[in-house]
N, C-alpha and C. Protein backbone atom coordinates (compact mmCIF):
# COMPACT_ATOMS: atom_id res chain seq x y z
N MET A 1 68.54 -39.52 -29.92
CA MET A 1 69.32 -38.47 -29.29
C MET A 1 68.81 -38.28 -27.86
N ALA A 2 69.72 -38.15 -26.94
CA ALA A 2 69.35 -37.97 -25.53
C ALA A 2 68.89 -36.54 -25.28
N THR A 3 67.99 -36.38 -24.35
CA THR A 3 67.57 -35.05 -23.95
C THR A 3 68.19 -34.74 -22.61
N ILE A 4 68.80 -33.58 -22.51
CA ILE A 4 69.37 -33.12 -21.25
C ILE A 4 69.21 -31.60 -21.16
N VAL A 5 69.80 -30.83 -20.53
CA VAL A 5 70.13 -29.39 -20.46
C VAL A 5 69.48 -28.64 -19.31
N SER A 6 69.38 -27.31 -19.33
CA SER A 6 69.29 -26.60 -18.06
C SER A 6 68.18 -25.58 -17.89
N GLU A 7 67.28 -25.85 -16.96
CA GLU A 7 66.30 -24.84 -16.56
C GLU A 7 66.83 -24.19 -15.32
N GLY A 8 66.93 -22.88 -15.34
CA GLY A 8 67.35 -22.17 -14.16
C GLY A 8 68.85 -22.08 -13.99
N LYS A 9 69.61 -22.85 -14.71
CA LYS A 9 71.07 -22.76 -14.63
C LYS A 9 71.54 -22.14 -15.93
N ALA A 10 71.68 -20.84 -15.94
CA ALA A 10 72.05 -20.12 -17.16
C ALA A 10 73.46 -20.51 -17.58
N ILE A 11 73.70 -20.40 -18.87
CA ILE A 11 75.01 -20.72 -19.41
C ILE A 11 76.09 -19.85 -18.77
N VAL A 12 75.73 -18.64 -18.36
CA VAL A 12 76.72 -17.76 -17.73
C VAL A 12 77.19 -18.32 -16.39
N ASP A 13 76.42 -19.25 -15.80
CA ASP A 13 76.81 -19.87 -14.53
C ASP A 13 77.84 -20.97 -14.71
N LYS A 14 78.13 -21.36 -15.95
CA LYS A 14 79.09 -22.41 -16.24
C LYS A 14 80.36 -21.78 -16.79
N ASN A 15 81.50 -22.32 -16.39
CA ASN A 15 82.78 -21.75 -16.80
C ASN A 15 83.65 -22.79 -17.48
N VAL A 16 84.43 -22.35 -18.46
CA VAL A 16 85.40 -23.23 -19.08
C VAL A 16 86.31 -23.76 -17.97
N GLY A 17 86.49 -25.07 -17.96
CA GLY A 17 87.29 -25.71 -16.92
C GLY A 17 86.46 -26.36 -15.83
N ASP A 18 85.16 -26.02 -15.73
CA ASP A 18 84.30 -26.71 -14.76
C ASP A 18 84.38 -28.20 -15.06
N LEU A 19 84.53 -29.01 -14.02
CA LEU A 19 84.68 -30.45 -14.19
C LEU A 19 83.73 -31.17 -13.25
N TRP A 20 82.96 -32.10 -13.81
CA TRP A 20 82.00 -32.88 -13.04
C TRP A 20 82.34 -34.36 -13.22
N THR A 21 82.17 -35.14 -12.15
CA THR A 21 82.49 -36.56 -12.22
C THR A 21 81.38 -37.40 -11.60
N PHE A 22 81.39 -38.68 -11.95
CA PHE A 22 80.47 -39.66 -11.37
C PHE A 22 81.14 -41.02 -11.46
N ARG A 23 81.02 -41.80 -10.39
CA ARG A 23 81.65 -43.13 -10.36
C ARG A 23 80.57 -44.20 -10.28
N LYS A 24 80.76 -45.27 -11.07
CA LYS A 24 79.78 -46.36 -11.13
C LYS A 24 80.51 -47.67 -11.40
N THR A 25 80.20 -48.70 -10.59
CA THR A 25 80.69 -50.04 -10.86
C THR A 25 79.68 -50.72 -11.79
N ILE A 26 80.18 -51.27 -12.88
CA ILE A 26 79.33 -51.91 -13.89
C ILE A 26 79.00 -53.33 -13.42
N THR A 27 77.72 -53.63 -13.29
CA THR A 27 77.28 -54.93 -12.78
C THR A 27 76.73 -55.82 -13.89
N ASP A 28 76.61 -57.09 -13.57
CA ASP A 28 75.97 -58.03 -14.49
C ASP A 28 74.56 -57.57 -14.81
N SER A 29 73.86 -57.06 -13.81
CA SER A 29 72.50 -56.57 -14.01
C SER A 29 72.47 -55.41 -14.99
N ASP A 30 73.41 -54.48 -14.88
CA ASP A 30 73.48 -53.35 -15.82
C ASP A 30 73.58 -53.85 -17.25
N VAL A 31 74.46 -54.82 -17.47
CA VAL A 31 74.69 -55.35 -18.82
C VAL A 31 73.45 -56.11 -19.31
N SER A 32 72.87 -56.92 -18.45
CA SER A 32 71.67 -57.68 -18.84
C SER A 32 70.51 -56.76 -19.17
N LEU A 33 70.29 -55.74 -18.34
CA LEU A 33 69.20 -54.80 -18.60
C LEU A 33 69.44 -54.04 -19.89
N PHE A 34 70.68 -53.59 -20.11
CA PHE A 34 70.98 -52.85 -21.33
C PHE A 34 70.77 -53.73 -22.55
N ALA A 35 71.20 -54.99 -22.49
CA ALA A 35 71.01 -55.91 -23.60
C ALA A 35 69.52 -56.08 -23.89
N GLY A 36 68.71 -56.20 -22.85
CA GLY A 36 67.28 -56.36 -23.04
C GLY A 36 66.61 -55.12 -23.61
N ILE A 37 67.04 -53.96 -23.17
CA ILE A 37 66.46 -52.71 -23.65
C ILE A 37 66.81 -52.48 -25.12
N THR A 38 68.07 -52.73 -25.48
CA THR A 38 68.54 -52.38 -26.82
C THR A 38 68.47 -53.52 -27.82
N GLY A 39 68.38 -54.75 -27.32
CA GLY A 39 68.43 -55.90 -28.21
C GLY A 39 69.84 -56.28 -28.62
N ASP A 40 70.85 -55.64 -28.03
CA ASP A 40 72.25 -55.96 -28.34
C ASP A 40 72.64 -57.21 -27.56
N MET A 41 72.48 -58.35 -28.19
CA MET A 41 72.75 -59.64 -27.56
C MET A 41 74.09 -60.22 -28.01
N ASN A 42 75.04 -59.37 -28.34
CA ASN A 42 76.36 -59.83 -28.73
C ASN A 42 76.86 -60.78 -27.64
N PRO A 43 77.32 -61.98 -28.02
CA PRO A 43 77.76 -62.93 -26.99
C PRO A 43 78.95 -62.44 -26.16
N LEU A 44 79.68 -61.45 -26.64
CA LEU A 44 80.74 -60.86 -25.81
C LEU A 44 80.17 -60.23 -24.54
N HIS A 45 78.89 -59.82 -24.62
CA HIS A 45 78.24 -59.17 -23.47
C HIS A 45 77.45 -60.15 -22.62
N ILE A 46 76.85 -61.16 -23.25
CA ILE A 46 75.86 -61.96 -22.50
C ILE A 46 76.23 -63.42 -22.30
N ASP A 47 77.26 -63.91 -22.96
CA ASP A 47 77.60 -65.34 -22.88
C ASP A 47 79.00 -65.51 -22.30
N GLY A 48 79.06 -65.85 -21.03
CA GLY A 48 80.34 -65.98 -20.33
C GLY A 48 81.26 -67.02 -20.93
N VAL A 49 80.73 -68.16 -21.36
CA VAL A 49 81.55 -69.20 -21.96
C VAL A 49 82.16 -68.70 -23.27
N TYR A 50 81.33 -68.12 -24.11
CA TYR A 50 81.83 -67.58 -25.38
C TYR A 50 82.91 -66.53 -25.11
N ALA A 51 82.59 -65.56 -24.25
CA ALA A 51 83.51 -64.44 -24.00
C ALA A 51 84.83 -64.92 -23.39
N SER A 52 84.79 -65.96 -22.56
CA SER A 52 86.02 -66.46 -21.93
C SER A 52 86.96 -67.10 -22.94
N ASN A 53 86.44 -67.47 -24.09
CA ASN A 53 87.26 -68.07 -25.15
C ASN A 53 87.72 -67.07 -26.20
N THR A 54 87.60 -65.78 -25.89
CA THR A 54 88.06 -64.73 -26.80
C THR A 54 89.32 -64.09 -26.21
N GLU A 55 89.90 -63.18 -26.96
CA GLU A 55 91.09 -62.47 -26.47
C GLU A 55 90.79 -61.65 -25.22
N PHE A 56 89.51 -61.37 -24.93
CA PHE A 56 89.14 -60.58 -23.76
C PHE A 56 89.09 -61.43 -22.49
N LYS A 57 88.94 -62.73 -22.63
CA LYS A 57 88.93 -63.69 -21.51
C LYS A 57 87.78 -63.47 -20.54
N GLY A 58 86.75 -62.75 -20.96
CA GLY A 58 85.58 -62.54 -20.11
C GLY A 58 84.59 -61.61 -20.77
N ARG A 59 83.42 -61.51 -20.15
CA ARG A 59 82.34 -60.68 -20.70
C ARG A 59 82.68 -59.20 -20.62
N LEU A 60 82.29 -58.51 -21.67
CA LEU A 60 82.48 -57.06 -21.75
C LEU A 60 81.15 -56.36 -21.48
N ALA A 61 81.25 -55.18 -20.90
CA ALA A 61 80.09 -54.30 -20.82
C ALA A 61 79.91 -53.63 -22.18
N HIS A 62 78.69 -53.27 -22.51
CA HIS A 62 78.44 -52.47 -23.72
C HIS A 62 79.14 -51.13 -23.53
N GLY A 63 79.92 -50.72 -24.50
CA GLY A 63 80.65 -49.45 -24.38
C GLY A 63 79.74 -48.26 -24.15
N VAL A 64 78.56 -48.31 -24.75
CA VAL A 64 77.69 -47.14 -24.63
C VAL A 64 77.06 -47.01 -23.25
N ILE A 65 77.23 -47.99 -22.38
CA ILE A 65 76.81 -47.78 -20.99
C ILE A 65 77.64 -46.63 -20.40
N GLY A 66 78.94 -46.61 -20.71
CA GLY A 66 79.78 -45.50 -20.26
C GLY A 66 79.34 -44.17 -20.85
N VAL A 67 78.95 -44.19 -22.12
CA VAL A 67 78.45 -42.98 -22.76
C VAL A 67 77.19 -42.50 -22.03
N GLY A 68 76.32 -43.44 -21.67
CA GLY A 68 75.11 -43.08 -20.92
C GLY A 68 75.43 -42.43 -19.59
N ILE A 69 76.48 -42.92 -18.92
CA ILE A 69 76.89 -42.31 -17.65
C ILE A 69 77.34 -40.87 -17.88
N LEU A 70 78.09 -40.64 -18.96
CA LEU A 70 78.52 -39.28 -19.29
C LEU A 70 77.32 -38.37 -19.55
N VAL A 71 76.35 -38.87 -20.31
CA VAL A 71 75.15 -38.08 -20.60
C VAL A 71 74.40 -37.77 -19.29
N GLY A 72 74.38 -38.75 -18.37
CA GLY A 72 73.74 -38.52 -17.08
C GLY A 72 74.35 -37.37 -16.31
N ILE A 73 75.67 -37.24 -16.37
CA ILE A 73 76.34 -36.11 -15.70
C ILE A 73 75.86 -34.80 -16.30
N MET A 74 75.85 -34.73 -17.64
CA MET A 74 75.42 -33.49 -18.29
C MET A 74 73.97 -33.17 -17.94
N ALA A 75 73.13 -34.19 -17.85
CA ALA A 75 71.72 -33.98 -17.52
C ALA A 75 71.57 -33.43 -16.11
N ARG A 76 72.37 -33.94 -15.17
CA ARG A 76 72.28 -33.45 -13.79
C ARG A 76 72.78 -32.02 -13.68
N GLU A 77 73.84 -31.70 -14.41
CA GLU A 77 74.42 -30.36 -14.31
C GLU A 77 73.68 -29.32 -15.13
N LEU A 78 72.96 -29.77 -16.13
CA LEU A 78 72.24 -28.86 -17.03
C LEU A 78 70.81 -29.33 -17.23
N PRO A 79 70.02 -29.42 -16.17
CA PRO A 79 68.65 -29.95 -16.32
C PRO A 79 67.82 -29.07 -17.25
N GLY A 80 67.08 -29.71 -18.14
CA GLY A 80 66.23 -28.98 -19.07
C GLY A 80 66.91 -28.66 -20.39
N GLY A 81 68.20 -28.96 -20.51
CA GLY A 81 68.94 -28.66 -21.73
C GLY A 81 68.84 -29.80 -22.73
N VAL A 82 69.46 -29.61 -23.88
CA VAL A 82 69.40 -30.60 -24.96
C VAL A 82 70.81 -30.94 -25.41
N LEU A 83 71.09 -32.23 -25.48
CA LEU A 83 72.35 -32.69 -26.05
C LEU A 83 72.22 -32.63 -27.56
N LEU A 84 73.08 -31.85 -28.21
CA LEU A 84 73.02 -31.69 -29.67
C LEU A 84 73.85 -32.73 -30.40
N GLY A 85 74.88 -33.22 -29.76
CA GLY A 85 75.71 -34.22 -30.40
C GLY A 85 76.88 -34.62 -29.52
N GLN A 86 77.43 -35.77 -29.85
CA GLN A 86 78.63 -36.21 -29.15
C GLN A 86 79.42 -37.14 -30.05
N SER A 87 80.69 -37.21 -29.77
CA SER A 87 81.60 -38.09 -30.49
C SER A 87 82.47 -38.77 -29.44
N VAL A 88 82.52 -40.10 -29.50
CA VAL A 88 83.28 -40.85 -28.51
C VAL A 88 84.09 -41.94 -29.20
N LYS A 89 85.33 -42.11 -28.76
CA LYS A 89 86.15 -43.24 -29.19
C LYS A 89 86.30 -44.19 -28.01
N PHE A 90 86.14 -45.48 -28.30
CA PHE A 90 86.31 -46.51 -27.29
C PHE A 90 87.76 -46.96 -27.34
N LEU A 91 88.50 -46.72 -26.26
CA LEU A 91 89.95 -46.93 -26.24
C LEU A 91 90.36 -48.27 -25.65
N ARG A 92 89.60 -48.77 -24.68
CA ARG A 92 89.91 -50.02 -24.00
C ARG A 92 88.59 -50.71 -23.63
N PRO A 93 88.61 -52.02 -23.48
CA PRO A 93 87.37 -52.71 -23.08
C PRO A 93 87.00 -52.39 -21.64
N VAL A 94 85.69 -52.46 -21.38
CA VAL A 94 85.16 -52.32 -20.03
C VAL A 94 84.53 -53.66 -19.67
N PHE A 95 84.94 -54.21 -18.55
CA PHE A 95 84.47 -55.52 -18.11
C PHE A 95 83.44 -55.37 -17.01
N ILE A 96 82.58 -56.36 -16.89
CA ILE A 96 81.66 -56.41 -15.76
C ILE A 96 82.50 -56.43 -14.49
N GLY A 97 82.17 -55.58 -13.56
CA GLY A 97 82.94 -55.45 -12.32
C GLY A 97 83.88 -54.26 -12.34
N ASP A 98 84.17 -53.70 -13.51
CA ASP A 98 85.00 -52.50 -13.56
C ASP A 98 84.25 -51.33 -12.93
N THR A 99 85.00 -50.46 -12.30
CA THR A 99 84.43 -49.23 -11.76
C THR A 99 84.88 -48.09 -12.66
N LEU A 100 83.91 -47.46 -13.32
CA LEU A 100 84.20 -46.33 -14.20
C LEU A 100 84.04 -45.02 -13.45
N THR A 101 84.97 -44.11 -13.67
CA THR A 101 84.80 -42.73 -13.27
C THR A 101 84.63 -41.94 -14.54
N ALA A 102 83.49 -41.29 -14.66
CA ALA A 102 83.17 -40.49 -15.85
C ALA A 102 83.48 -39.03 -15.54
N PHE A 103 84.04 -38.34 -16.53
CA PHE A 103 84.44 -36.94 -16.40
C PHE A 103 83.79 -36.13 -17.51
N VAL A 104 83.22 -34.99 -17.15
CA VAL A 104 82.69 -34.04 -18.12
C VAL A 104 83.28 -32.69 -17.78
N GLU A 105 84.01 -32.11 -18.73
CA GLU A 105 84.65 -30.81 -18.51
C GLU A 105 84.13 -29.81 -19.53
N VAL A 106 83.75 -28.64 -19.06
CA VAL A 106 83.32 -27.57 -19.97
C VAL A 106 84.57 -27.10 -20.71
N SER A 107 84.53 -27.22 -22.04
CA SER A 107 85.68 -26.83 -22.85
C SER A 107 85.45 -25.52 -23.60
N GLY A 108 84.20 -25.06 -23.64
CA GLY A 108 83.90 -23.81 -24.32
C GLY A 108 82.42 -23.50 -24.22
N LYS A 109 82.07 -22.28 -24.59
CA LYS A 109 80.66 -21.91 -24.61
C LYS A 109 80.47 -20.71 -25.53
N ASP A 110 79.27 -20.62 -26.05
CA ASP A 110 78.87 -19.50 -26.89
C ASP A 110 77.60 -18.94 -26.26
N GLU A 111 77.77 -17.94 -25.41
CA GLU A 111 76.64 -17.41 -24.64
C GLU A 111 75.58 -16.79 -25.53
N GLU A 112 76.00 -16.23 -26.67
CA GLU A 112 75.04 -15.62 -27.58
C GLU A 112 74.07 -16.65 -28.15
N LYS A 113 74.57 -17.85 -28.42
CA LYS A 113 73.75 -18.91 -29.00
C LYS A 113 73.32 -19.94 -27.95
N ASP A 114 73.66 -19.72 -26.68
CA ASP A 114 73.34 -20.63 -25.58
C ASP A 114 73.90 -22.03 -25.79
N LEU A 115 75.08 -22.12 -26.41
CA LEU A 115 75.73 -23.40 -26.66
C LEU A 115 76.84 -23.63 -25.64
N ILE A 116 77.01 -24.89 -25.26
CA ILE A 116 78.08 -25.26 -24.34
C ILE A 116 78.77 -26.50 -24.91
N PHE A 117 80.09 -26.55 -24.74
CA PHE A 117 80.90 -27.61 -25.33
C PHE A 117 81.65 -28.34 -24.21
N PHE A 118 81.80 -29.65 -24.38
CA PHE A 118 82.40 -30.48 -23.34
C PHE A 118 83.49 -31.37 -23.89
N ARG A 119 84.47 -31.64 -23.05
CA ARG A 119 85.42 -32.73 -23.25
C ARG A 119 84.92 -33.82 -22.31
N ILE A 120 84.78 -35.04 -22.80
CA ILE A 120 84.22 -36.13 -22.00
C ILE A 120 85.15 -37.35 -22.05
N TRP A 121 85.23 -38.07 -20.92
CA TRP A 121 86.01 -39.31 -20.90
C TRP A 121 85.65 -40.14 -19.68
N CYS A 122 86.01 -41.43 -19.76
CA CYS A 122 85.84 -42.35 -18.64
C CYS A 122 87.16 -43.06 -18.39
N GLU A 123 87.45 -43.29 -17.12
CA GLU A 123 88.61 -44.07 -16.70
C GLU A 123 88.13 -45.25 -15.88
N ASN A 124 88.88 -46.36 -15.95
CA ASN A 124 88.53 -47.51 -15.11
C ASN A 124 89.17 -47.35 -13.73
N GLN A 125 89.00 -48.36 -12.89
CA GLN A 125 89.49 -48.31 -11.51
C GLN A 125 91.01 -48.20 -11.42
N ASP A 126 91.71 -48.49 -12.50
CA ASP A 126 93.17 -48.37 -12.52
C ASP A 126 93.64 -47.03 -13.08
N GLY A 127 92.69 -46.13 -13.36
CA GLY A 127 93.03 -44.83 -13.92
C GLY A 127 93.32 -44.87 -15.40
N VAL A 128 92.97 -45.97 -16.06
CA VAL A 128 93.19 -46.11 -17.50
C VAL A 128 91.99 -45.54 -18.25
N LYS A 129 92.26 -44.65 -19.20
CA LYS A 129 91.19 -44.06 -19.99
C LYS A 129 90.61 -45.12 -20.92
N VAL A 130 89.29 -45.35 -20.83
CA VAL A 130 88.65 -46.38 -21.65
C VAL A 130 87.81 -45.79 -22.78
N MET A 131 87.45 -44.53 -22.68
CA MET A 131 86.74 -43.84 -23.76
C MET A 131 86.97 -42.34 -23.61
N ALA A 132 86.90 -41.64 -24.74
CA ALA A 132 87.12 -40.19 -24.71
C ALA A 132 86.44 -39.56 -25.91
N GLY A 133 86.03 -38.31 -25.75
CA GLY A 133 85.39 -37.62 -26.86
C GLY A 133 84.98 -36.21 -26.50
N GLU A 134 83.95 -35.76 -27.20
CA GLU A 134 83.44 -34.40 -26.99
C GLU A 134 81.94 -34.40 -27.17
N ALA A 135 81.31 -33.36 -26.64
CA ALA A 135 79.85 -33.22 -26.75
C ALA A 135 79.50 -31.74 -26.82
N GLN A 136 78.30 -31.48 -27.34
CA GLN A 136 77.79 -30.12 -27.43
C GLN A 136 76.35 -30.11 -26.92
N GLY A 137 75.99 -29.05 -26.21
CA GLY A 137 74.63 -28.95 -25.71
C GLY A 137 74.06 -27.55 -25.90
N LEU A 138 72.75 -27.48 -25.85
CA LEU A 138 72.01 -26.22 -25.89
C LEU A 138 71.43 -26.01 -24.52
N VAL A 139 71.74 -24.88 -23.91
CA VAL A 139 71.25 -24.56 -22.58
C VAL A 139 70.01 -23.68 -22.71
N ARG A 140 68.90 -24.18 -22.25
CA ARG A 140 67.65 -23.42 -22.33
C ARG A 140 67.56 -22.47 -21.15
N LYS A 141 67.10 -21.28 -21.42
CA LYS A 141 66.91 -20.29 -20.35
C LYS A 141 65.52 -20.47 -19.76
N ARG A 142 65.41 -20.30 -18.45
CA ARG A 142 64.11 -20.37 -17.79
C ARG A 142 63.26 -19.21 -18.25
N LYS A 143 62.00 -19.52 -18.57
CA LYS A 143 61.08 -18.45 -19.02
C LYS A 143 60.27 -17.94 -17.88
């Protein structure tokens, strides 16, 4: 489970509808490093010859790289907080060279319990949604 959330940024400072974005072009290096870190050596990610002979016609990025970008947004906006959970559906493939724009929108909050809820998604450079889901976090108050 990823660690994120917020020191000094109280939950009351966040509003339903707040939207944060981040754009990243997925590189060969990103995919290679992720494969090495996780051990996910699926040939769709690391073998260009293999991947070119599939219905995708080329190497795919690991889908969870996009999820990591989404988590990074939450971490920047809520430093010191904790990601409690997330659910993501992968809607379209992401290829090396694609530019993802990640979106995190505050969809709700429970100030009494210091909980915050998000709608999350990524779009490629053509504006096509490639993944979508939701996440929940705990916002820690500065002591």
